[in-house]
Amino acid sequence: MLQQWIDESRRIVFFGGAGVSTESGIPDFRSVDGLYHQKYDWPPETILSRTFFDRKPEEFFRFYREKMLPLTAEPNAAHRKLAELEAAGRMTGVVTQNIDGLHTKAGSRAVFELHGSVWRNHCMHCGRAYGPEYIRDSEGVPKCETCGGVIKPDVVLYEEGLDNDVVAGAVHAIRSADLMIVAGTSLTVYPAAGLLRYFRGKHLVLINRDATPFDSDADLVIHDKVGQVLGAIAVNPLPGAEA
């Protein structure tokens, strides 16, 4: 069924969460083995808040370097298949809650990173850009080499709003889609999960290990690993699409 719908579609949008990257060795947040079930001096939700970042930046960056910088992770079958679908002219957008940059690393170009990316960092004072390696290799609170300001990862922390331009791009892609594939997400994190309400296409597919609040709204629900499901999909290019 999924293969047939993909073959019939010209505007596929993918919406993914942490479960898309677990097969690349990156832990998710809410599963039994996820970050939210590990023990720290503060809950991860607290550490990853803007208030905590401002008040205890050294503790924030200690956690961030240990748990949020998987720079050696490689795209898995799901990331690669989505990039192939885009190159074939069928995938018009990847909307992701992940900050690991693996969709871009796999070759996808129309990527809407709702929660930002660890690969982008900027000085909060002068705006100078830094790569993630600078954050990883620094000690304590990373400071700008130009002005001495604090360098902040371009990731959306709790208490911060989503980027309006990214949200607008994601909404446009979802509204224009004829097939929407949602995978690796509990669909409990808002406002990101609320973007599903903009879909008006033919088929909604959910691929997730566990049940979600949107299962009853989907045309097809698959409880399996995202990489295994998408990895088995054949990509048939549209006429005139990039080879």
C-alpha atoms as a PDB file:
ATOM      1  CA  MET A   1       0.000   0.000   0.000  1.00  0.00           C
ATOM      2  CA  LEU A   2       2.732   2.489   0.963  1.00  0.00           C
ATOM      3  CA  GLN A   3       4.727   1.678  -2.169  1.00  0.00           C
ATOM      4  CA  GLN A   4       1.668   2.232  -4.333  1.00  0.00           C
ATOM      5  CA  TRP A   5       0.878   5.589  -2.758  1.00  0.00           C
ATOM      6  CA  ILE A   6       4.485   6.754  -3.164  1.00  0.00           C
ATOM      7  CA  ASP A   7       4.425   5.722  -6.827  1.00  0.00           C
ATOM      8  CA  GLU A   8       1.223   7.700  -7.335  1.00  0.00           C
ATOM      9  CA  SER A   9       2.447  10.827  -5.534  1.00  0.00           C
ATOM     10  CA  ARG A  10       4.278  13.881  -6.822  1.00  0.00           C
ATOM     11  CA  ARG A  11       4.296  15.978  -3.645  1.00  0.00           C
ATOM     12  CA  ILE A  12       5.348  13.844  -0.672  1.00  0.00           C
ATOM     13  CA  VAL A  13       6.151  15.516   2.635  1.00  0.00           C
ATOM     14  CA  PHE A  14       7.889  13.726   5.479  1.00  0.00           C
ATOM     15  CA  PHE A  15       7.437  14.764   9.112  1.00  0.00           C
ATOM     16  CA  GLY A  16       9.862  13.125  11.525  1.00  0.00           C
ATOM     17  CA  GLY A  17      11.038  13.065  15.100  1.00  0.00           C
ATOM     18  CA  ALA A  18      13.761  11.506  17.233  1.00  0.00           C
ATOM     19  CA  GLY A  19      12.801   7.970  16.242  1.00  0.00           C
ATOM     20  CA  VAL A  20      14.117   8.615  12.745  1.00  0.00           C
ATOM     21  CA  SER A  21      17.669   8.933  14.092  1.00  0.00           C
ATOM     22  CA  THR A  22      17.726   6.111  16.646  1.00  0.00           C
ATOM     23  CA  GLU A  23      18.909   3.708  13.935  1.00  0.00           C
ATOM     24  CA  SER A  24      21.913   6.029  13.531  1.00  0.00           C
ATOM     25  CA  GLY A  25      22.787   5.465  17.178  1.00  0.00           C
ATOM     26  CA  ILE A  26      21.264   8.709  18.500  1.00  0.00           C
ATOM     27  CA  PRO A  27      19.014   8.130  21.541  1.00  0.00           C
ATOM     28  CA  ASP A  28      15.514   9.531  21.520  1.00  0.00           C
ATOM     29  CA  PHE A  29      13.932  11.359  24.427  1.00  0.00           C
ATOM     30  CA  ARG A  30      10.792   9.611  25.626  1.00  0.00           C
ATOM     31  CA  SER A  31      11.370   5.882  25.192  1.00  0.00           C
ATOM     32  CA  VAL A  32      12.443   3.661  28.086  1.00  0.00           C
ATOM     33  CA  ASP A  33      16.105   4.195  27.176  1.00  0.00           C
ATOM     34  CA  GLY A  34      15.646   7.835  26.161  1.00  0.00           C
ATOM     35  CA  LEU A  35      17.258  10.911  27.660  1.00  0.00           C
ATOM     36  CA  TYR A  36      14.230  11.747  29.770  1.00  0.00           C
ATOM     37  CA  HIS A  37      14.606   8.463  31.667  1.00  0.00           C
ATOM     38  CA  GLN A  38      18.288   8.948  32.488  1.00  0.00           C
ATOM     39  CA  LYS A  39      19.411  10.423  35.789  1.00  0.00           C
ATOM     40  CA  TYR A  40      20.967  13.861  36.048  1.00  0.00           C
ATOM     41  CA  ASP A  41      21.091  16.552  38.728  1.00  0.00           C
ATOM     42  CA  TRP A  42      18.244  18.255  36.826  1.00  0.00           C
ATOM     43  CA  PRO A  43      15.650  16.832  34.427  1.00  0.00           C
ATOM     44  CA  PRO A  44      16.691  17.191  30.758  1.00  0.00           C
ATOM     45  CA  GLU A  45      13.606  19.353  30.174  1.00  0.00           C
ATOM     46  CA  THR A  46      15.009  21.800  32.720  1.00  0.00           C
ATOM     47  CA  ILE A  47      18.572  21.714  31.399  1.00  0.00           C
ATOM     48  CA  LEU A  48      17.354  22.317  27.844  1.00  0.00           C
ATOM     49  CA  SER A  49      15.357  25.414  28.792  1.00  0.00           C
ATOM     50  CA  ARG A  50      16.308  29.009  28.064  1.00  0.00           C
ATOM     51  CA  THR A  51      16.066  29.894  31.742  1.00  0.00           C
ATOM     52  CA  PHE A  52      18.607  27.202  32.639  1.00  0.00           C
ATOM     53  CA  PHE A  53      20.878  28.241  29.754  1.00  0.00           C
ATOM     54  CA  ASP A  54      20.916  31.823  31.042  1.00  0.00           C
ATOM     55  CA  ARG A  55      21.317  30.947  34.731  1.00  0.00           C
ATOM     56  CA  LYS A  56      23.629  27.919  34.607  1.00  0.00           C
ATOM     57  CA  PRO A  57      25.409  27.997  31.245  1.00  0.00           C
ATOM     58  CA  GLU A  58      28.316  25.819  32.393  1.00  0.00           C
ATOM     59  CA  GLU A  59      25.933  23.031  33.436  1.00  0.00           C
ATOM     60  CA  PHE A  60      23.985  23.460  30.202  1.00  0.00           C
ATOM     61  CA  PHE A  61      27.082  23.021  28.058  1.00  0.00           C
ATOM     62  CA  ARG A  62      28.285  20.066  30.117  1.00  0.00           C
ATOM     63  CA  PHE A  63      25.059  18.232  29.292  1.00  0.00           C
ATOM     64  CA  TYR A  64      24.981  19.568  25.736  1.00  0.00           C
ATOM     65  CA  ARG A  65      28.478  18.326  24.869  1.00  0.00           C
ATOM     66  CA  GLU A  66      27.777  14.900  26.386  1.00  0.00           C
ATOM     67  CA  LYS A  67      24.323  14.238  24.971  1.00  0.00           C
ATOM     68  CA  MET A  68      23.488  16.613  22.117  1.00  0.00           C
ATOM     69  CA  LEU A  69      26.522  16.575  19.804  1.00  0.00           C
ATOM     70  CA  PRO A  70      26.482  13.294  17.835  1.00  0.00           C
ATOM     71  CA  LEU A  71      28.850  14.686  15.204  1.00  0.00           C
ATOM     72  CA  THR A  72      30.078  11.282  14.041  1.00  0.00           C
ATOM     73  CA  ALA A  73      26.593   9.849  13.455  1.00  0.00           C
ATOM     74  CA  GLU A  74      25.802   8.852   9.893  1.00  0.00           C
ATOM     75  CA  PRO A  75      22.458   8.899   8.048  1.00  0.00           C
ATOM     76  CA  ASN A  76      20.549   5.642   8.114  1.00  0.00           C
ATOM     77  CA  ALA A  77      18.310   4.000   5.519  1.00  0.00           C
ATOM     78  CA  ALA A  78      15.436   6.378   6.279  1.00  0.00           C
ATOM     79  CA  HIS A  79      17.483   9.538   5.735  1.00  0.00           C
ATOM     80  CA  ARG A  80      18.999   8.155   2.537  1.00  0.00           C
ATOM     81  CA  LYS A  81      15.671   7.020   1.099  1.00  0.00           C
ATOM     82  CA  LEU A  82      14.091  10.437   1.685  1.00  0.00           C
ATOM     83  CA  ALA A  83      16.989  12.080  -0.150  1.00  0.00           C
ATOM     84  CA  GLU A  84      16.509   9.626  -3.030  1.00  0.00           C
ATOM     85  CA  LEU A  85      12.800  10.454  -3.201  1.00  0.00           C
ATOM     86  CA  GLU A  86      13.610  14.155  -3.390  1.00  0.00           C
ATOM     87  CA  ALA A  87      16.156  13.595  -6.167  1.00  0.00           C
ATOM     88  CA  ALA A  88      13.524  11.550  -7.988  1.00  0.00           C
ATOM     89  CA  GLY A  89      11.130  14.499  -7.902  1.00  0.00           C
ATOM     90  CA  ARG A  90       8.634  12.997  -5.484  1.00  0.00           C
ATOM     91  CA  MET A  91       9.664  14.444  -2.093  1.00  0.00           C
ATOM     92  CA  THR A  92       8.935  18.169  -1.750  1.00  0.00           C
ATOM     93  CA  GLY A  93       9.888  18.657   1.885  1.00  0.00           C
ATOM     94  CA  VAL A  94      11.295  17.072   5.033  1.00  0.00           C
ATOM     95  CA  VAL A  95       9.960  18.608   8.232  1.00  0.00           C
ATOM     96  CA  THR A  96      12.014  17.470  11.196  1.00  0.00           C
ATOM     97  CA  GLN A  97      12.049  18.009  14.933  1.00  0.00           C
ATOM     98  CA  ASN A  98      15.630  16.691  15.064  1.00  0.00           C
ATOM     99  CA  ILE A  99      18.689  18.893  15.470  1.00  0.00           C
ATOM    100  CA  ASP A 100      21.303  16.374  14.287  1.00  0.00           C
ATOM    101  CA  GLY A 101      21.478  17.522  10.658  1.00  0.00           C
ATOM    102  CA  LEU A 102      21.350  13.965   9.300  1.00  0.00           C
ATOM    103  CA  HIS A 103      18.741  14.747   6.645  1.00  0.00           C
ATOM    104  CA  THR A 104      21.007  17.363   5.128  1.00  0.00           C
ATOM    105  CA  LYS A 105      24.014  15.069   5.493  1.00  0.00           C
ATOM    106  CA  ALA A 106      22.115  12.401   3.536  1.00  0.00           C
ATOM    107  CA  GLY A 107      21.517  14.821   0.667  1.00  0.00           C
ATOM    108  CA  SER A 108      18.041  16.246   1.286  1.00  0.00           C
ATOM    109  CA  ARG A 109      17.816  19.910   0.379  1.00  0.00           C
ATOM    110  CA  ALA A 110      14.245  20.940   1.208  1.00  0.00           C
ATOM    111  CA  VAL A 111      14.641  20.445   4.965  1.00  0.00           C
ATOM    112  CA  PHE A 112      12.694  22.432   7.547  1.00  0.00           C
ATOM    113  CA  GLU A 113      14.457  22.064  10.907  1.00  0.00           C
ATOM    114  CA  LEU A 114      11.772  23.116  13.370  1.00  0.00           C
ATOM    115  CA  HIS A 115      14.067  22.948  16.384  1.00  0.00           C
ATOM    116  CA  GLY A 116      17.235  24.203  14.711  1.00  0.00           C
ATOM    117  CA  SER A 117      20.545  22.405  14.264  1.00  0.00           C
ATOM    118  CA  VAL A 118      23.653  21.658  16.314  1.00  0.00           C
ATOM    119  CA  TRP A 119      25.682  22.400  13.185  1.00  0.00           C
ATOM    120  CA  ARG A 120      24.953  26.137  13.475  1.00  0.00           C
ATOM    121  CA  ASN A 121      26.154  28.260  16.398  1.00  0.00           C
ATOM    122  CA  HIS A 122      26.422  32.022  16.769  1.00  0.00           C
ATOM    123  CA  CYS A 123      27.865  34.546  19.184  1.00  0.00           C
ATOM    124  CA  MET A 124      24.995  36.155  21.053  1.00  0.00           C
ATOM    125  CA  HIS A 125      26.779  39.524  20.974  1.00  0.00           C
ATOM    126  CA  CYS A 126      28.341  39.994  17.524  1.00  0.00           C
ATOM    127  CA  GLY A 127      26.686  37.162  15.588  1.00  0.00           C
ATOM    128  CA  ARG A 128      29.891  35.426  14.449  1.00  0.00           C
ATOM    129  CA  ALA A 129      29.195  31.882  13.284  1.00  0.00           C
ATOM    130  CA  TYR A 130      30.930  28.805  14.674  1.00  0.00           C
ATOM    131  CA  GLY A 131      30.862  25.130  13.783  1.00  0.00           C
ATOM    132  CA  PRO A 132      29.828  22.432  16.273  1.00  0.00           C
ATOM    133  CA  GLU A 133      33.437  21.308  16.695  1.00  0.00           C
ATOM    134  CA  TYR A 134      34.226  24.644  18.351  1.00  0.00           C
ATOM    135  CA  ILE A 135      31.531  23.979  20.948  1.00  0.00           C
ATOM    136  CA  ARG A 136      32.681  20.390  21.417  1.00  0.00           C
ATOM    137  CA  ASP A 137      36.342  21.264  21.877  1.00  0.00           C
ATOM    138  CA  SER A 138      35.855  24.293  24.122  1.00  0.00           C
ATOM    139  CA  GLU A 139      35.770  24.160  27.907  1.00  0.00           C
ATOM    140  CA  GLY A 140      33.137  25.620  30.155  1.00  0.00           C
ATOM    141  CA  VAL A 141      31.019  28.240  28.412  1.00  0.00           C
ATOM    142  CA  PRO A 142      32.213  28.700  24.797  1.00  0.00           C
ATOM    143  CA  LYS A 143      33.180  32.301  24.097  1.00  0.00           C
ATOM    144  CA  CYS A 144      33.534  34.214  20.857  1.00  0.00           C
ATOM    145  CA  GLU A 145      37.105  34.729  19.648  1.00  0.00           C
ATOM    146  CA  THR A 146      36.143  38.147  18.276  1.00  0.00           C
ATOM    147  CA  CYS A 147      34.243  39.815  21.096  1.00  0.00           C
ATOM    148  CA  GLY A 148      34.172  37.373  24.012  1.00  0.00           C
ATOM    149  CA  GLY A 149      30.405  36.914  23.867  1.00  0.00           C
ATOM    150  CA  VAL A 150      28.697  33.640  24.725  1.00  0.00           C
ATOM    151  CA  ILE A 151      28.196  31.311  21.759  1.00  0.00           C
ATOM    152  CA  LYS A 152      24.731  29.769  21.626  1.00  0.00           C
ATOM    153  CA  PRO A 153      23.784  26.743  19.542  1.00  0.00           C
ATOM    154  CA  ASP A 154      21.081  27.504  17.000  1.00  0.00           C
ATOM    155  CA  VAL A 155      18.689  25.061  18.627  1.00  0.00           C
ATOM    156  CA  VAL A 156      15.267  25.922  19.989  1.00  0.00           C
ATOM    157  CA  LEU A 157      15.251  25.531  23.754  1.00  0.00           C
ATOM    158  CA  TYR A 158      12.195  25.114  25.930  1.00  0.00           C
ATOM    159  CA  GLU A 159      10.607  28.557  26.490  1.00  0.00           C
ATOM    160  CA  GLU A 160      11.801  29.718  23.053  1.00  0.00           C
ATOM    161  CA  GLY A 161       9.579  30.088  19.994  1.00  0.00           C
ATOM    162  CA  LEU A 162      10.038  28.364  16.658  1.00  0.00           C
ATOM    163  CA  ASP A 163      11.518  30.298  13.754  1.00  0.00           C
ATOM    164  CA  ASN A 164       8.655  31.909  11.826  1.00  0.00           C
ATOM    165  CA  ASP A 165      10.238  31.433   8.408  1.00  0.00           C
ATOM    166  CA  VAL A 166      10.920  27.735   9.048  1.00  0.00           C
ATOM    167  CA  VAL A 167       7.356  27.184  10.255  1.00  0.00           C
ATOM    168  CA  ALA A 168       5.932  29.043   7.257  1.00  0.00           C
ATOM    169  CA  GLY A 169       7.973  26.892   4.878  1.00  0.00           C
ATOM    170  CA  ALA A 170       6.894  23.715   6.623  1.00  0.00           C
ATOM    171  CA  VAL A 171       3.226  24.718   6.570  1.00  0.00           C
ATOM    172  CA  HIS A 172       3.392  25.522   2.853  1.00  0.00           C
ATOM    173  CA  ALA A 173       4.989  22.149   2.090  1.00  0.00           C
ATOM    174  CA  ILE A 174       2.428  20.267   4.183  1.00  0.00           C
ATOM    175  CA  ARG A 175      -0.534  22.129   2.677  1.00  0.00           C
ATOM    176  CA  SER A 176       0.701  21.358  -0.844  1.00  0.00           C
ATOM    177  CA  ALA A 177       1.384  17.656  -0.231  1.00  0.00           C
ATOM    178  CA  ASP A 178      -0.663  14.823  -1.679  1.00  0.00           C
ATOM    179  CA  LEU A 179       0.997  12.237   0.613  1.00  0.00           C
ATOM    180  CA  MET A 180       2.310  12.861   4.120  1.00  0.00           C
ATOM    181  CA  ILE A 181       4.501  10.339   5.911  1.00  0.00           C
ATOM    182  CA  VAL A 182       4.906  10.873   9.651  1.00  0.00           C
ATOM    183  CA  ALA A 183       7.541   8.799  11.421  1.00  0.00           C
ATOM    184  CA  GLY A 184       9.561   8.385  14.582  1.00  0.00           C
ATOM    185  CA  THR A 185       7.620  10.850  16.680  1.00  0.00           C
ATOM    186  CA  SER A 186       5.251  10.581  19.628  1.00  0.00           C
ATOM    187  CA  LEU A 187       3.296  13.572  18.233  1.00  0.00           C
ATOM    188  CA  THR A 188       2.988  15.000  21.734  1.00  0.00           C
ATOM    189  CA  VAL A 189       5.379  17.963  21.372  1.00  0.00           C
ATOM    190  CA  TYR A 190       3.653  21.187  20.410  1.00  0.00           C
ATOM    191  CA  PRO A 191       3.564  23.407  18.439  1.00  0.00           C
ATOM    192  CA  ALA A 192       5.407  21.023  16.077  1.00  0.00           C
ATOM    193  CA  ALA A 193       2.795  18.241  16.223  1.00  0.00           C
ATOM    194  CA  GLY A 194       0.087  20.774  15.451  1.00  0.00           C
ATOM    195  CA  LEU A 195       1.449  21.189  11.934  1.00  0.00           C
ATOM    196  CA  LEU A 196      -0.282  17.974  10.915  1.00  0.00           C
ATOM    197  CA  ARG A 197      -3.590  19.803  10.889  1.00  0.00           C
ATOM    198  CA  TYR A 198      -2.501  21.656   7.743  1.00  0.00           C
ATOM    199  CA  PHE A 199      -2.413  18.473   5.670  1.00  0.00           C
ATOM    200  CA  ARG A 200      -5.264  18.223   3.181  1.00  0.00           C
ATOM    201  CA  GLY A 201      -3.832  15.617   0.800  1.00  0.00           C
ATOM    202  CA  LYS A 202      -4.946  12.124  -0.147  1.00  0.00           C
ATOM    203  CA  HIS A 203      -3.121   9.880   2.317  1.00  0.00           C
ATOM    204  CA  LEU A 204      -1.616  10.216   5.798  1.00  0.00           C
ATOM    205  CA  VAL A 205       0.809   7.457   6.819  1.00  0.00           C
ATOM    206  CA  LEU A 206       2.219   6.956  10.331  1.00  0.00           C
ATOM    207  CA  ILE A 207       5.340   4.861  10.905  1.00  0.00           C
ATOM    208  CA  ASN A 208       6.134   4.593  14.588  1.00  0.00           C
ATOM    209  CA  ARG A 209       7.194   1.994  17.094  1.00  0.00           C
ATOM    210  CA  ASP A 210       4.412   2.952  19.502  1.00  0.00           C
ATOM    211  CA  ALA A 211       0.876   4.259  19.138  1.00  0.00           C
ATOM    212  CA  THR A 212       0.308   8.024  18.779  1.00  0.00           C
ATOM    213  CA  PRO A 213      -2.686  10.319  19.354  1.00  0.00           C
ATOM    214  CA  PHE A 214      -3.045  10.620  15.561  1.00  0.00           C
ATOM    215  CA  ASP A 215      -3.259   6.910  14.704  1.00  0.00           C
ATOM    216  CA  SER A 216      -7.032   7.052  14.250  1.00  0.00           C
ATOM    217  CA  ASP A 217      -6.644   9.893  11.720  1.00  0.00           C
ATOM    218  CA  ALA A 218      -4.171   8.015   9.522  1.00  0.00           C
ATOM    219  CA  ASP A 219      -4.951   6.033   6.391  1.00  0.00           C
ATOM    220  CA  LEU A 220      -2.123   3.606   7.186  1.00  0.00           C
ATOM    221  CA  VAL A 221      -0.338   2.907  10.488  1.00  0.00           C
ATOM    222  CA  ILE A 222       2.874   0.860  10.560  1.00  0.00           C
ATOM    223  CA  HIS A 223       4.401  -0.098  13.905  1.00  0.00           C
ATOM    224  CA  ASP A 224       7.994  -0.796  12.927  1.00  0.00           C
ATOM    225  CA  LYS A 225      11.408   0.828  12.599  1.00  0.00           C
ATOM    226  CA  VAL A 226      11.430   3.761  10.204  1.00  0.00           C
ATOM    227  CA  GLY A 227      14.654   2.760   8.484  1.00  0.00           C
ATOM    228  CA  GLN A 228      13.447  -0.761   7.803  1.00  0.00           C
ATOM    229  CA  VAL A 229      10.139   0.418   6.353  1.00  0.00           C
ATOM    230  CA  LEU A 230      11.487   3.193   4.151  1.00  0.00           C
ATOM    231  CA  GLY A 231      14.609   1.247   3.244  1.00  0.00           C
ATOM    232  CA  ALA A 232      12.422  -1.338   1.494  1.00  0.00           C
ATOM    233  CA  ILE A 233      10.731   1.283  -0.686  1.00  0.00           C
ATOM    234  CA  ALA A 234      11.644   1.379  -4.374  1.00  0.00           C
ATOM    235  CA  VAL A 235      12.255   4.854  -5.815  1.00  0.00           C
ATOM    236  CA  ASN A 236      10.839   5.363  -9.286  1.00  0.00           C
ATOM    237  CA  PRO A 237      11.818   8.772 -10.731  1.00  0.00           C
ATOM    238  CA  LEU A 238       9.304  11.033 -12.370  1.00  0.00           C
ATOM    239  CA  PRO A 239       9.939  11.950 -16.023  1.00  0.00           C
ATOM    240  CA  GLY A 240      12.357  14.863 -16.210  1.00  0.00           C
ATOM    241  CA  ALA A 241      13.480  14.534 -12.581  1.00  0.00           C
ATOM    242  CA  GLU A 242      17.126  14.696 -11.539  1.00  0.00           C
ATOM    243  CA  ALA A 243      18.845  11.358 -11.991  1.00  0.00           C
END
